[in-house]
């Protein structure tokens, strides 16, 4: 079951932040509404540019939305952020996805 309604209510009440936008993006991603996922994940990154999980899902949503060049750029930025944060797992996952995209 989707939590989109719950998260949108929080947003309407003025609780706008990186985690809420990431959560909304994740829910839209699960629903395969990649355009909405991208919008909310972009906002999450605006709130917190160092949010490596948001970068990873953002790049994945771009890829699923066939925005391959944008996805490659987002993965590269996300990897740099994850390296800065020491997020080893995020680095590994994003490198795998990036390599697949670059193979075409």
C-alpha atoms as a PDB file:
ATOM      1  CA  UNK A   1       0.000   0.000   0.000  1.00  0.00           C
ATOM      2  CA  UNK A   2       1.229   3.476  -0.896  1.00  0.00           C
ATOM      3  CA  UNK A   3       2.079   6.154   1.658  1.00  0.00           C
ATOM      4  CA  UNK A   4       1.907   8.945  -0.914  1.00  0.00           C
ATOM      5  CA  UNK A   5      -1.252  10.465   0.598  1.00  0.00           C
ATOM      6  CA  UNK A   6       0.254  10.540   4.086  1.00  0.00           C
ATOM      7  CA  UNK A   7       3.461  12.135   2.855  1.00  0.00           C
ATOM      8  CA  UNK A   8       1.572  14.686   0.730  1.00  0.00           C
ATOM      9  CA  UNK A   9      -0.466  15.675   3.784  1.00  0.00           C
ATOM     10  CA  UNK A  10       2.737  16.308   5.726  1.00  0.00           C
ATOM     11  CA  UNK A  11       4.040  18.373   2.829  1.00  0.00           C
ATOM     12  CA  UNK A  12       0.843  20.437   2.716  1.00  0.00           C
ATOM     13  CA  UNK A  13       1.204  21.123   6.440  1.00  0.00           C
ATOM     14  CA  UNK A  14       4.581  22.716   5.760  1.00  0.00           C
ATOM     15  CA  UNK A  15       6.830  19.830   6.852  1.00  0.00           C
ATOM     16  CA  UNK A  16       8.997  20.111   3.751  1.00  0.00           C
ATOM     17  CA  UNK A  17      12.467  18.587   4.201  1.00  0.00           C
ATOM     18  CA  UNK A  18      14.957  16.211   2.592  1.00  0.00           C
ATOM     19  CA  UNK A  19      13.666  13.058   4.286  1.00  0.00           C
ATOM     20  CA  UNK A  20      10.032  13.762   3.395  1.00  0.00           C
ATOM     21  CA  UNK A  21      10.935  14.479  -0.221  1.00  0.00           C
ATOM     22  CA  UNK A  22      13.093  11.340  -0.367  1.00  0.00           C
ATOM     23  CA  UNK A  23      10.214   9.312   1.070  1.00  0.00           C
ATOM     24  CA  UNK A  24       7.774  10.734  -1.480  1.00  0.00           C
ATOM     25  CA  UNK A  25      10.235  10.090  -4.284  1.00  0.00           C
ATOM     26  CA  UNK A  26      10.688   6.517  -3.100  1.00  0.00           C
ATOM     27  CA  UNK A  27       6.930   5.910  -3.005  1.00  0.00           C
ATOM     28  CA  UNK A  28       6.444   7.331  -6.497  1.00  0.00           C
ATOM     29  CA  UNK A  29       9.364   5.201  -7.693  1.00  0.00           C
ATOM     30  CA  UNK A  30       7.646   2.083  -6.310  1.00  0.00           C
ATOM     31  CA  UNK A  31       4.502   3.103  -8.210  1.00  0.00           C
ATOM     32  CA  UNK A  32       6.651   3.480 -11.371  1.00  0.00           C
ATOM     33  CA  UNK A  33       5.726   7.177 -11.588  1.00  0.00           C
ATOM     34  CA  UNK A  34       9.304   8.137 -12.371  1.00  0.00           C
ATOM     35  CA  UNK A  35       8.569  11.760 -13.319  1.00  0.00           C
ATOM     36  CA  UNK A  36       7.044  12.459  -9.890  1.00  0.00           C
ATOM     37  CA  UNK A  37       9.841  10.504  -8.214  1.00  0.00           C
ATOM     38  CA  UNK A  38      12.428  12.642 -10.008  1.00  0.00           C
ATOM     39  CA  UNK A  39      10.719  15.890  -8.951  1.00  0.00           C
ATOM     40  CA  UNK A  40      10.676  14.949  -5.269  1.00  0.00           C
ATOM     41  CA  UNK A  41      14.180  13.485  -5.275  1.00  0.00           C
ATOM     42  CA  UNK A  42      15.515  16.679  -6.885  1.00  0.00           C
ATOM     43  CA  UNK A  43      13.937  18.585  -3.984  1.00  0.00           C
ATOM     44  CA  UNK A  44      15.497  16.191  -1.451  1.00  0.00           C
ATOM     45  CA  UNK A  45      18.910  16.875  -2.989  1.00  0.00           C
ATOM     46  CA  UNK A  46      18.255  20.637  -2.942  1.00  0.00           C
ATOM     47  CA  UNK A  47      17.527  20.406   0.787  1.00  0.00           C
ATOM     48  CA  UNK A  48      20.550  18.199   1.437  1.00  0.00           C
ATOM     49  CA  UNK A  49      23.129  17.982  -1.375  1.00  0.00           C
ATOM     50  CA  UNK A  50      25.091  15.396   0.670  1.00  0.00           C
ATOM     51  CA  UNK A  51      22.183  12.888   0.834  1.00  0.00           C
ATOM     52  CA  UNK A  52      23.799   9.951  -0.974  1.00  0.00           C
ATOM     53  CA  UNK A  53      20.700   7.717  -0.779  1.00  0.00           C
ATOM     54  CA  UNK A  54      18.700  10.449  -2.524  1.00  0.00           C
ATOM     55  CA  UNK A  55      21.351  10.725  -5.229  1.00  0.00           C
ATOM     56  CA  UNK A  56      21.244   6.959  -5.767  1.00  0.00           C
ATOM     57  CA  UNK A  57      17.455   6.801  -6.100  1.00  0.00           C
ATOM     58  CA  UNK A  58      17.390   9.995  -8.179  1.00  0.00           C
ATOM     59  CA  UNK A  59      19.846   8.516 -10.681  1.00  0.00           C
ATOM     60  CA  UNK A  60      17.900   5.250 -10.731  1.00  0.00           C
ATOM     61  CA  UNK A  61      14.634   7.112 -11.412  1.00  0.00           C
ATOM     62  CA  UNK A  62      16.280   9.074 -14.229  1.00  0.00           C
ATOM     63  CA  UNK A  63      17.525   5.813 -15.708  1.00  0.00           C
ATOM     64  CA  UNK A  64      14.085   4.204 -15.476  1.00  0.00           C
ATOM     65  CA  UNK A  65      12.651   7.313 -17.142  1.00  0.00           C
ATOM     66  CA  UNK A  66      15.130   6.775 -20.040  1.00  0.00           C
ATOM     67  CA  UNK A  67      17.044   9.956 -19.173  1.00  0.00           C
ATOM     68  CA  UNK A  68      20.320   8.070 -19.503  1.00  0.00           C
ATOM     69  CA  UNK A  69      22.754  10.993 -19.822  1.00  0.00           C
ATOM     70  CA  UNK A  70      21.192  12.691 -16.797  1.00  0.00           C
ATOM     71  CA  UNK A  71      21.317   9.408 -14.879  1.00  0.00           C
ATOM     72  CA  UNK A  72      25.030   8.994 -15.632  1.00  0.00           C
ATOM     73  CA  UNK A  73      25.737  12.522 -14.368  1.00  0.00           C
ATOM     74  CA  UNK A  74      23.627  11.917 -11.240  1.00  0.00           C
ATOM     75  CA  UNK A  75      25.399   8.622 -10.499  1.00  0.00           C
ATOM     76  CA  UNK A  76      28.790  10.303 -10.887  1.00  0.00           C
ATOM     77  CA  UNK A  77      27.767  13.128  -8.523  1.00  0.00           C
ATOM     78  CA  UNK A  78      26.209  10.620  -6.136  1.00  0.00           C
ATOM     79  CA  UNK A  79      29.396   8.546  -6.037  1.00  0.00           C
ATOM     80  CA  UNK A  80      31.426  11.669  -5.216  1.00  0.00           C
ATOM     81  CA  UNK A  81      29.006  12.559  -2.402  1.00  0.00           C
ATOM     82  CA  UNK A  82      29.006   8.990  -1.054  1.00  0.00           C
ATOM     83  CA  UNK A  83      32.816   8.927  -1.096  1.00  0.00           C
ATOM     84  CA  UNK A  84      32.884  12.207   0.834  1.00  0.00           C
ATOM     85  CA  UNK A  85      30.399  10.729   3.356  1.00  0.00           C
ATOM     86  CA  UNK A  86      32.121   7.336   3.575  1.00  0.00           C
ATOM     87  CA  UNK A  87      28.943   5.529   2.415  1.00  0.00           C
ATOM     88  CA  UNK A  88      30.706   2.411   1.146  1.00  0.00           C
ATOM     89  CA  UNK A  89      27.560   0.455   0.221  1.00  0.00           C
ATOM     90  CA  UNK A  90      26.072   3.380  -1.719  1.00  0.00           C
ATOM     91  CA  UNK A  91      29.365   3.797  -3.600  1.00  0.00           C
ATOM     92  CA  UNK A  92      29.425   0.112  -4.596  1.00  0.00           C
ATOM     93  CA  UNK A  93      25.789   0.089  -5.741  1.00  0.00           C
ATOM     94  CA  UNK A  94      26.042   3.310  -7.729  1.00  0.00           C
ATOM     95  CA  UNK A  95      29.249   2.145  -9.439  1.00  0.00           C
ATOM     96  CA  UNK A  96      27.500  -1.044 -10.590  1.00  0.00           C
ATOM     97  CA  UNK A  97      24.503   0.883 -11.969  1.00  0.00           C
ATOM     98  CA  UNK A  98      26.780   3.457 -13.611  1.00  0.00           C
ATOM     99  CA  UNK A  99      28.876   0.769 -15.275  1.00  0.00           C
ATOM    100  CA  UNK A 100      25.717  -0.861 -16.691  1.00  0.00           C
ATOM    101  CA  UNK A 101      24.471   2.449 -18.072  1.00  0.00           C
ATOM    102  CA  UNK A 102      27.782   3.245 -19.706  1.00  0.00           C
ATOM    103  CA  UNK A 103      27.834  -0.192 -21.390  1.00  0.00           C
ATOM    104  CA  UNK A 104      24.513   0.757 -22.953  1.00  0.00           C
END
